[in-house]
Amino acid sequence: MFDNAYFNLGYLDTLSYKDTFIHRLDPRTKFLSTLAFVVTVVSFPKYEIAGLMPFFLFPVLLFVLSDIPVRIIMKKALLVSSFALFIGIFNPIVDRRIAYWLLGIPVSGGWISFFSIMIKFSLTITTALLLIATTSFPEICRALQRLGMPELFVSQLLFLYRYLFVTAEETMRVVRARDMRSFANKGSGMKAYIALVGTLFLRTVEKAERIYQAMLSRGFTGSLHSMRLYRFSTADATFFCLTVAAMYLFRTHDLVGSIGKLAMGAF
């Protein structure tokens, strides 16, 4: 079970090494496009639902162009959906003002804001996961560095991500050692788990010190270097400009309302 959890932890990073149109884009292009998308989605008022519908086109387009499995992204999004659910579930209790009547059923403003929060969460978290699935985390950190983020912040962010896997590997070794020495569920009580946590802490501290000394011996000075040359291509400029133009269009125009009026007029 722990092996599967460890594999799932780095699976998005594995997907980032595919060779598709989205994967080949400059990391700065993908980061800025995702940032523009998230900011635009979050800027909608709390009672807006219809205006958010066109924004689903962006993650759908990313799924198609990047060949990322939809099931994997949706599964990971559901794992963290409880946070958004916890934030919005109290809205129907606090805001009971009747906003609409749907087929004779009163719909309060609290329910509308709740669904708005869930839609915004779905859009933003799915797009963020697609960013990680199409751009490795080290590349995202280097993109932040190239965009002018402080060197210390980028270094700490990259090391935090890297040491998640180092800690997971150490945990896997400790858990396997305990399982090999356990018989008839012996050694699985709270006392054993406390001892495992203490052992894991000591081993990770010692390994971190060894890794740091090895980095210093290889000339690490706190700066991140990359062998890849970053440059904006025509494809990058086109993708970014089209994304920003689409976000502006979706934000300033009621496309769903316009389509509804055209449909009503046709019938």
C-alpha atoms as a PDB file:
ATOM      1  CA  MET A   1       0.000   0.000   0.000  1.00  0.00           C
ATOM      2  CA  PHE A   2       2.814   2.390   0.881  1.00  0.00           C
ATOM      3  CA  ASP A   3       4.581   1.518  -2.388  1.00  0.00           C
ATOM      4  CA  ASN A   4       1.472   2.518  -4.341  1.00  0.00           C
ATOM      5  CA  ALA A   5       1.242   5.801  -2.441  1.00  0.00           C
ATOM      6  CA  TYR A   6       4.899   6.516  -3.221  1.00  0.00           C
ATOM      7  CA  PHE A   7       4.351   5.749  -6.907  1.00  0.00           C
ATOM      8  CA  ASN A   8       1.318   8.043  -7.073  1.00  0.00           C
ATOM      9  CA  LEU A   9       3.325  10.830  -5.418  1.00  0.00           C
ATOM     10  CA  GLY A  10       5.700  11.066  -8.367  1.00  0.00           C
ATOM     11  CA  TYR A  11       3.379   9.979 -11.174  1.00  0.00           C
ATOM     12  CA  LEU A  12       2.576  13.527 -12.278  1.00  0.00           C
ATOM     13  CA  ASP A  13       6.283  14.235 -12.555  1.00  0.00           C
ATOM     14  CA  THR A  14       6.608  11.134 -14.754  1.00  0.00           C
ATOM     15  CA  LEU A  15       3.842  12.405 -17.052  1.00  0.00           C
ATOM     16  CA  SER A  16       5.693  15.715 -17.465  1.00  0.00           C
ATOM     17  CA  TYR A  17       8.336  14.052 -19.646  1.00  0.00           C
ATOM     18  CA  LYS A  18       5.969  13.269 -22.502  1.00  0.00           C
ATOM     19  CA  ASP A  19       6.571  14.802 -25.919  1.00  0.00           C
ATOM     20  CA  THR A  20       3.442  16.725 -26.931  1.00  0.00           C
ATOM     21  CA  PHE A  21       2.721  20.273 -28.038  1.00  0.00           C
ATOM     22  CA  ILE A  22       1.939  21.407 -24.480  1.00  0.00           C
ATOM     23  CA  HIS A  23       4.986  19.645 -23.030  1.00  0.00           C
ATOM     24  CA  ARG A  24       7.269  21.373 -25.530  1.00  0.00           C
ATOM     25  CA  LEU A  25       6.090  24.860 -24.586  1.00  0.00           C
ATOM     26  CA  ASP A  26       8.373  27.043 -22.495  1.00  0.00           C
ATOM     27  CA  PRO A  27       7.683  26.548 -18.748  1.00  0.00           C
ATOM     28  CA  ARG A  28       7.254  30.303 -18.335  1.00  0.00           C
ATOM     29  CA  THR A  29       4.495  30.289 -20.956  1.00  0.00           C
ATOM     30  CA  LYS A  30       2.588  27.529 -19.191  1.00  0.00           C
ATOM     31  CA  PHE A  31       3.056  29.084 -15.759  1.00  0.00           C
ATOM     32  CA  LEU A  32       1.897  32.556 -16.843  1.00  0.00           C
ATOM     33  CA  SER A  33      -1.051  31.123 -18.782  1.00  0.00           C
ATOM     34  CA  THR A  34      -2.126  29.073 -15.765  1.00  0.00           C
ATOM     35  CA  LEU A  35      -1.712  32.097 -13.503  1.00  0.00           C
ATOM     36  CA  ALA A  36      -3.871  34.230 -15.830  1.00  0.00           C
ATOM     37  CA  PHE A  37      -6.514  31.490 -15.851  1.00  0.00           C
ATOM     38  CA  VAL A  38      -6.588  31.111 -12.056  1.00  0.00           C
ATOM     39  CA  VAL A  39      -6.723  34.867 -11.411  1.00  0.00           C
ATOM     40  CA  THR A  40      -9.554  35.308 -13.917  1.00  0.00           C
ATOM     41  CA  VAL A  41     -11.611  32.447 -12.469  1.00  0.00           C
ATOM     42  CA  VAL A  42     -11.166  33.653  -8.883  1.00  0.00           C
ATOM     43  CA  SER A  43     -12.144  37.212  -9.850  1.00  0.00           C
ATOM     44  CA  PHE A  44     -15.784  36.216 -10.489  1.00  0.00           C
ATOM     45  CA  PRO A  45     -18.308  37.215  -7.803  1.00  0.00           C
ATOM     46  CA  LYS A  46     -19.518  34.577  -5.374  1.00  0.00           C
ATOM     47  CA  TYR A  47     -22.977  34.237  -6.936  1.00  0.00           C
ATOM     48  CA  GLU A  48     -21.693  33.627 -10.471  1.00  0.00           C
ATOM     49  CA  ILE A  49     -22.144  30.186 -12.002  1.00  0.00           C
ATOM     50  CA  ALA A  50     -23.100  30.562 -15.669  1.00  0.00           C
ATOM     51  CA  GLY A  51     -20.153  32.847 -16.416  1.00  0.00           C
ATOM     52  CA  LEU A  52     -17.731  30.138 -15.222  1.00  0.00           C
ATOM     53  CA  MET A  53     -18.949  27.495 -17.677  1.00  0.00           C
ATOM     54  CA  PRO A  54     -16.858  28.627 -20.701  1.00  0.00           C
ATOM     55  CA  PHE A  55     -13.678  28.311 -18.622  1.00  0.00           C
ATOM     56  CA  PHE A  56     -13.967  24.515 -18.744  1.00  0.00           C
ATOM     57  CA  LEU A  57     -12.773  24.773 -22.346  1.00  0.00           C
ATOM     58  CA  PHE A  58      -9.229  25.572 -21.174  1.00  0.00           C
ATOM     59  CA  PRO A  59      -8.558  22.402 -19.118  1.00  0.00           C
ATOM     60  CA  VAL A  60     -10.341  20.330 -21.768  1.00  0.00           C
ATOM     61  CA  LEU A  61      -8.015  21.783 -24.401  1.00  0.00           C
ATOM     62  CA  LEU A  62      -5.002  20.987 -22.211  1.00  0.00           C
ATOM     63  CA  PHE A  63      -6.189  17.401 -21.763  1.00  0.00           C
ATOM     64  CA  VAL A  64      -6.532  16.962 -25.516  1.00  0.00           C
ATOM     65  CA  LEU A  65      -3.236  18.601 -26.525  1.00  0.00           C
ATOM     66  CA  SER A  66      -1.119  17.055 -23.741  1.00  0.00           C
ATOM     67  CA  ASP A  67      -2.508  13.491 -23.801  1.00  0.00           C
ATOM     68  CA  ILE A  68      -2.808  13.431 -19.999  1.00  0.00           C
ATOM     69  CA  PRO A  69      -5.149  10.752 -18.560  1.00  0.00           C
ATOM     70  CA  VAL A  70      -8.301  12.465 -17.330  1.00  0.00           C
ATOM     71  CA  ARG A  71      -8.882   9.834 -14.651  1.00  0.00           C
ATOM     72  CA  ILE A  72      -5.537  10.490 -12.945  1.00  0.00           C
ATOM     73  CA  ILE A  73      -6.114  14.250 -12.686  1.00  0.00           C
ATOM     74  CA  MET A  74      -9.716  13.893 -11.535  1.00  0.00           C
ATOM     75  CA  LYS A  75      -8.698  11.359  -8.881  1.00  0.00           C
ATOM     76  CA  LYS A  76      -6.067  13.677  -7.440  1.00  0.00           C
ATOM     77  CA  ALA A  77      -8.472  16.637  -7.554  1.00  0.00           C
ATOM     78  CA  LEU A  78     -11.052  14.642  -5.580  1.00  0.00           C
ATOM     79  CA  LEU A  79      -8.467  13.899  -2.898  1.00  0.00           C
ATOM     80  CA  VAL A  80      -8.238  17.585  -1.987  1.00  0.00           C
ATOM     81  CA  SER A  81     -11.844  18.530  -2.760  1.00  0.00           C
ATOM     82  CA  SER A  82     -12.769  18.108   0.910  1.00  0.00           C
ATOM     83  CA  PHE A  83     -11.059  21.455   1.670  1.00  0.00           C
ATOM     84  CA  ALA A  84     -13.316  23.358  -0.748  1.00  0.00           C
ATOM     85  CA  LEU A  85     -16.320  21.362   0.446  1.00  0.00           C
ATOM     86  CA  PHE A  86     -15.589  22.291   4.057  1.00  0.00           C
ATOM     87  CA  ILE A  87     -15.272  25.983   3.134  1.00  0.00           C
ATOM     88  CA  GLY A  88     -18.498  26.193   1.141  1.00  0.00           C
ATOM     89  CA  ILE A  89     -20.804  23.787   2.949  1.00  0.00           C
ATOM     90  CA  PHE A  90     -21.739  26.405   5.559  1.00  0.00           C
ATOM     91  CA  ASN A  91     -22.882  28.949   2.961  1.00  0.00           C
ATOM     92  CA  PRO A  92     -26.446  27.530   2.652  1.00  0.00           C
ATOM     93  CA  ILE A  93     -26.787  27.819   6.433  1.00  0.00           C
ATOM     94  CA  VAL A  94     -25.478  31.384   6.664  1.00  0.00           C
ATOM     95  CA  ASP A  95     -27.032  32.821   3.494  1.00  0.00           C
ATOM     96  CA  ARG A  96     -30.699  31.784   3.300  1.00  0.00           C
ATOM     97  CA  ARG A  97     -31.889  34.637   1.108  1.00  0.00           C
ATOM     98  CA  ILE A  98     -33.956  33.326  -1.802  1.00  0.00           C
ATOM     99  CA  ALA A  99     -32.152  34.220  -5.012  1.00  0.00           C
ATOM    100  CA  TYR A 100     -33.964  32.132  -7.670  1.00  0.00           C
ATOM    101  CA  TRP A 101     -36.941  29.884  -8.147  1.00  0.00           C
ATOM    102  CA  LEU A 102     -36.119  26.701 -10.049  1.00  0.00           C
ATOM    103  CA  LEU A 103     -39.203  24.768 -11.167  1.00  0.00           C
ATOM    104  CA  GLY A 104     -41.095  26.149  -8.199  1.00  0.00           C
ATOM    105  CA  ILE A 105     -38.309  25.260  -5.763  1.00  0.00           C
ATOM    106  CA  PRO A 106     -36.644  28.159  -3.908  1.00  0.00           C
ATOM    107  CA  VAL A 107     -32.862  28.326  -4.272  1.00  0.00           C
ATOM    108  CA  SER A 108     -31.014  30.361  -1.659  1.00  0.00           C
ATOM    109  CA  GLY A 109     -27.966  32.490  -2.313  1.00  0.00           C
ATOM    110  CA  GLY A 110     -25.967  30.177  -0.045  1.00  0.00           C
ATOM    111  CA  TRP A 111     -26.446  27.221  -2.376  1.00  0.00           C
ATOM    112  CA  ILE A 112     -25.478  29.331  -5.384  1.00  0.00           C
ATOM    113  CA  SER A 113     -22.290  30.547  -3.710  1.00  0.00           C
ATOM    114  CA  PHE A 114     -21.542  26.965  -2.624  1.00  0.00           C
ATOM    115  CA  PHE A 115     -21.724  25.655  -6.186  1.00  0.00           C
ATOM    116  CA  SER A 116     -19.715  28.657  -7.366  1.00  0.00           C
ATOM    117  CA  ILE A 117     -16.934  27.778  -4.908  1.00  0.00           C
ATOM    118  CA  MET A 118     -16.912  24.151  -6.023  1.00  0.00           C
ATOM    119  CA  ILE A 119     -16.770  25.108  -9.715  1.00  0.00           C
ATOM    120  CA  LYS A 120     -13.928  27.559  -9.089  1.00  0.00           C
ATOM    121  CA  PHE A 121     -12.080  24.925  -7.110  1.00  0.00           C
ATOM    122  CA  SER A 122     -12.545  22.317  -9.833  1.00  0.00           C
ATOM    123  CA  LEU A 123     -11.276  24.683 -12.522  1.00  0.00           C
ATOM    124  CA  THR A 124      -8.255  25.988 -10.643  1.00  0.00           C
ATOM    125  CA  ILE A 125      -7.040  22.734  -9.077  1.00  0.00           C
ATOM    126  CA  THR A 126      -7.466  20.806 -12.335  1.00  0.00           C
ATOM    127  CA  THR A 127      -5.484  23.407 -14.264  1.00  0.00           C
ATOM    128  CA  ALA A 128      -2.766  23.496 -11.593  1.00  0.00           C
ATOM    129  CA  LEU A 129      -2.453  19.702 -11.701  1.00  0.00           C
ATOM    130  CA  LEU A 130      -2.243  19.850 -15.495  1.00  0.00           C
ATOM    131  CA  LEU A 131       0.565  22.386 -15.169  1.00  0.00           C
ATOM    132  CA  ILE A 132       2.531  19.959 -12.984  1.00  0.00           C
ATOM    133  CA  ALA A 133       1.660  17.027 -15.278  1.00  0.00           C
ATOM    134  CA  THR A 134       2.982  18.857 -18.353  1.00  0.00           C
ATOM    135  CA  THR A 135       5.919  20.641 -16.688  1.00  0.00           C
ATOM    136  CA  SER A 136       8.203  18.963 -14.180  1.00  0.00           C
ATOM    137  CA  PHE A 137       8.417  20.712 -10.826  1.00  0.00           C
ATOM    138  CA  PRO A 138      12.128  21.558 -11.265  1.00  0.00           C
ATOM    139  CA  GLU A 139      11.223  23.234 -14.558  1.00  0.00           C
ATOM    140  CA  ILE A 140       8.502  25.242 -12.827  1.00  0.00           C
ATOM    141  CA  CYS A 141      11.040  26.386 -10.238  1.00  0.00           C
ATOM    142  CA  ARG A 142      13.484  27.398 -12.957  1.00  0.00           C
ATOM    143  CA  ALA A 143      10.688  29.256 -14.744  1.00  0.00           C
ATOM    144  CA  LEU A 144       9.994  31.184 -11.521  1.00  0.00           C
ATOM    145  CA  GLN A 145      13.691  31.943 -11.297  1.00  0.00           C
ATOM    146  CA  ARG A 146      13.726  33.272 -14.867  1.00  0.00           C
ATOM    147  CA  LEU A 147      10.651  35.376 -14.109  1.00  0.00           C
ATOM    148  CA  GLY A 148      12.503  37.183 -11.319  1.00  0.00           C
ATOM    149  CA  MET A 149      11.471  35.297  -8.185  1.00  0.00           C
ATOM    150  CA  PRO A 150      14.046  35.502  -5.339  1.00  0.00           C
ATOM    151  CA  GLU A 151      16.755  32.848  -5.595  1.00  0.00           C
ATOM    152  CA  LEU A 152      16.306  31.781  -1.972  1.00  0.00           C
ATOM    153  CA  PHE A 153      12.560  31.209  -2.403  1.00  0.00           C
ATOM    154  CA  VAL A 154      13.017  29.146  -5.563  1.00  0.00           C
ATOM    155  CA  SER A 155      15.782  27.053  -3.999  1.00  0.00           C
ATOM    156  CA  GLN A 156      13.736  26.290  -0.894  1.00  0.00           C
ATOM    157  CA  LEU A 157      10.710  25.397  -3.014  1.00  0.00           C
ATOM    158  CA  LEU A 158      12.740  23.005  -5.154  1.00  0.00           C
ATOM    159  CA  PHE A 159      14.444  21.388  -2.151  1.00  0.00           C
ATOM    160  CA  LEU A 160      11.097  20.989  -0.379  1.00  0.00           C
ATOM    161  CA  TYR A 161       9.726  19.080  -3.361  1.00  0.00           C
ATOM    162  CA  ARG A 162      12.857  16.970  -3.725  1.00  0.00           C
ATOM    163  CA  TYR A 163      13.020  16.042  -0.039  1.00  0.00           C
ATOM    164  CA  LEU A 164       9.420  14.878  -0.078  1.00  0.00           C
ATOM    165  CA  PHE A 165      10.637  11.946  -2.150  1.00  0.00           C
ATOM    166  CA  VAL A 166      13.746  11.477   0.003  1.00  0.00           C
ATOM    167  CA  THR A 167      11.552  11.329   3.115  1.00  0.00           C
ATOM    168  CA  ALA A 168       9.135   8.980   1.365  1.00  0.00           C
ATOM    169  CA  GLU A 169      12.002   6.639   0.431  1.00  0.00           C
ATOM    170  CA  GLU A 170      13.284   6.603   4.014  1.00  0.00           C
ATOM    171  CA  THR A 171       9.768   5.948   5.285  1.00  0.00           C
ATOM    172  CA  MET A 172       9.381   3.082   2.831  1.00  0.00           C
ATOM    173  CA  ARG A 173      12.601   1.469   4.063  1.00  0.00           C
ATOM    174  CA  VAL A 174      11.564   1.806   7.719  1.00  0.00           C
ATOM    175  CA  VAL A 175       8.071   0.403   7.055  1.00  0.00           C
ATOM    176  CA  ARG A 176       9.462  -2.538   5.087  1.00  0.00           C
ATOM    177  CA  ALA A 177      11.959  -3.291   7.877  1.00  0.00           C
ATOM    178  CA  ARG A 178       9.141  -3.279  10.438  1.00  0.00           C
ATOM    179  CA  ASP A 179       6.941  -5.538   8.275  1.00  0.00           C
ATOM    180  CA  MET A 180       9.771  -8.056   7.841  1.00  0.00           C
ATOM    181  CA  ARG A 181      10.251  -8.221  11.623  1.00  0.00           C
ATOM    182  CA  SER A 182       6.549  -8.386  12.512  1.00  0.00           C
ATOM    183  CA  PHE A 183       4.731 -11.643  13.080  1.00  0.00           C
ATOM    184  CA  ALA A 184       1.012 -12.055  13.813  1.00  0.00           C
ATOM    185  CA  ASN A 185       0.561  -8.271  13.851  1.00  0.00           C
ATOM    186  CA  LYS A 186       3.142  -7.848  16.578  1.00  0.00           C
ATOM    187  CA  GLY A 187       4.941  -4.541  16.570  1.00  0.00           C
ATOM    188  CA  SER A 188       2.010  -2.655  15.057  1.00  0.00           C
ATOM    189  CA  GLY A 189       0.786  -0.796  18.132  1.00  0.00           C
ATOM    190  CA  MET A 190       1.018   2.890  18.974  1.00  0.00           C
ATOM    191  CA  LYS A 191       4.297   2.409  20.841  1.00  0.00           C
ATOM    192  CA  ALA A 192       5.890   0.839  17.742  1.00  0.00           C
ATOM    193  CA  TYR A 193       4.666   3.662  15.501  1.00  0.00           C
ATOM    194  CA  ILE A 194       6.083   6.297  17.854  1.00  0.00           C
ATOM    195  CA  ALA A 195       9.452   4.535  17.732  1.00  0.00           C
ATOM    196  CA  LEU A 196       9.224   4.429  13.900  1.00  0.00           C
ATOM    197  CA  VAL A 197       8.582   8.159  13.713  1.00  0.00           C
ATOM    198  CA  GLY A 198      11.575   8.877  15.944  1.00  0.00           C
ATOM    199  CA  THR A 199      13.799   6.593  13.862  1.00  0.00           C
ATOM    200  CA  LEU A 200      12.565   8.193  10.661  1.00  0.00           C
ATOM    201  CA  PHE A 201      13.301  11.674  12.000  1.00  0.00           C
ATOM    202  CA  LEU A 202      16.876  10.778  12.952  1.00  0.00           C
ATOM    203  CA  ARG A 203      17.543   9.036   9.630  1.00  0.00           C
ATOM    204  CA  THR A 204      16.187  11.925   7.547  1.00  0.00           C
ATOM    205  CA  VAL A 205      18.242  14.491   9.485  1.00  0.00           C
ATOM    206  CA  GLU A 206      21.402  12.426   9.008  1.00  0.00           C
ATOM    207  CA  LYS A 207      20.700  11.909   5.320  1.00  0.00           C
ATOM    208  CA  ALA A 208      19.936  15.602   4.786  1.00  0.00           C
ATOM    209  CA  GLU A 209      23.291  16.474   6.343  1.00  0.00           C
ATOM    210  CA  ARG A 210      25.097  14.005   4.087  1.00  0.00           C
ATOM    211  CA  ILE A 211      23.341  15.348   1.008  1.00  0.00           C
ATOM    212  CA  TYR A 212      24.163  18.931   1.948  1.00  0.00           C
ATOM    213  CA  GLN A 213      27.848  18.089   2.464  1.00  0.00           C
ATOM    214  CA  ALA A 214      27.891  16.321  -0.900  1.00  0.00           C
ATOM    215  CA  MET A 215      26.352  19.388  -2.562  1.00  0.00           C
ATOM    216  CA  LEU A 216      28.951  21.678  -1.006  1.00  0.00           C
ATOM    217  CA  SER A 217      31.770  19.397  -2.158  1.00  0.00           C
ATOM    218  CA  ARG A 218      30.412  19.730  -5.700  1.00  0.00           C
ATOM    219  CA  GLY A 219      30.481  23.518  -5.602  1.00  0.00           C
ATOM    220  CA  PHE A 220      26.891  24.366  -4.636  1.00  0.00           C
ATOM    221  CA  THR A 221      26.607  28.059  -3.743  1.00  0.00           C
ATOM    222  CA  GLY A 222      22.820  28.447  -3.452  1.00  0.00           C
ATOM    223  CA  SER A 223      22.155  29.160  -7.130  1.00  0.00           C
ATOM    224  CA  LEU A 224      20.214  26.846  -9.419  1.00  0.00           C
ATOM    225  CA  HIS A 225      21.668  26.070 -12.818  1.00  0.00           C
ATOM    226  CA  SER A 226      20.140  24.309 -15.792  1.00  0.00           C
ATOM    227  CA  MET A 227      21.599  22.840 -18.962  1.00  0.00           C
ATOM    228  CA  ARG A 228      18.439  23.750 -20.883  1.00  0.00           C
ATOM    229  CA  LEU A 229      18.272  27.060 -22.733  1.00  0.00           C
ATOM    230  CA  TYR A 230      14.958  28.851 -22.313  1.00  0.00           C
ATOM    231  CA  ARG A 231      13.569  31.047 -25.066  1.00  0.00           C
ATOM    232  CA  PHE A 232      10.116  32.130 -26.157  1.00  0.00           C
ATOM    233  CA  SER A 233       9.170  30.712 -29.544  1.00  0.00           C
ATOM    234  CA  THR A 234       6.362  31.653 -31.897  1.00  0.00           C
ATOM    235  CA  ALA A 235       4.295  28.803 -30.475  1.00  0.00           C
ATOM    236  CA  ASP A 236       4.797  30.151 -26.946  1.00  0.00           C
ATOM    237  CA  ALA A 237       3.758  33.673 -27.905  1.00  0.00           C
ATOM    238  CA  THR A 238       0.723  32.395 -29.838  1.00  0.00           C
ATOM    239  CA  PHE A 239      -0.434  30.116 -27.023  1.00  0.00           C
ATOM    240  CA  PHE A 240      -0.049  32.795 -24.354  1.00  0.00           C
ATOM    241  CA  CYS A 241      -1.760  35.540 -26.390  1.00  0.00           C
ATOM    242  CA  LEU A 242      -4.686  33.282 -27.308  1.00  0.00           C
ATOM    243  CA  THR A 243      -5.054  32.218 -23.671  1.00  0.00           C
ATOM    244  CA  VAL A 244      -5.106  35.788 -22.364  1.00  0.00           C
ATOM    245  CA  ALA A 245      -7.517  36.864 -25.132  1.00  0.00           C
ATOM    246  CA  ALA A 246      -9.856  33.965 -24.323  1.00  0.00           C
ATOM    247  CA  MET A 247      -9.736  34.740 -20.587  1.00  0.00           C
ATOM    248  CA  TYR A 248     -10.588  38.381 -21.297  1.00  0.00           C
ATOM    249  CA  LEU A 249     -13.454  37.373 -23.590  1.00  0.00           C
ATOM    250  CA  PHE A 250     -14.891  34.898 -21.081  1.00  0.00           C
ATOM    251  CA  ARG A 251     -14.616  37.422 -18.245  1.00  0.00           C
ATOM    252  CA  THR A 252     -16.127  40.444 -19.972  1.00  0.00           C
ATOM    253  CA  HIS A 253     -18.871  38.789 -22.047  1.00  0.00           C
ATOM    254  CA  ASP A 254     -21.790  36.624 -20.991  1.00  0.00           C
ATOM    255  CA  LEU A 255     -21.259  33.880 -23.544  1.00  0.00           C
ATOM    256  CA  VAL A 256     -23.723  31.477 -21.953  1.00  0.00           C
ATOM    257  CA  GLY A 257     -26.442  34.137 -21.921  1.00  0.00           C
ATOM    258  CA  SER A 258     -25.723  35.072 -25.532  1.00  0.00           C
ATOM    259  CA  ILE A 259     -25.899  31.441 -26.646  1.00  0.00           C
ATOM    260  CA  GLY A 260     -29.164  31.035 -24.735  1.00  0.00           C
ATOM    261  CA  LYS A 261     -30.700  34.070 -26.436  1.00  0.00           C
ATOM    262  CA  LEU A 262     -29.627  32.805 -29.858  1.00  0.00           C
ATOM    263  CA  ALA A 263     -31.148  29.397 -29.112  1.00  0.00           C
ATOM    264  CA  MET A 264     -34.399  30.960 -27.933  1.00  0.00           C
ATOM    265  CA  GLY A 265     -34.500  33.121 -31.027  1.00  0.00           C
ATOM    266  CA  ALA A 266     -33.913  30.118 -33.278  1.00  0.00           C
ATOM    267  CA  PHE A 267     -36.828  28.247 -31.735  1.00  0.00           C
END
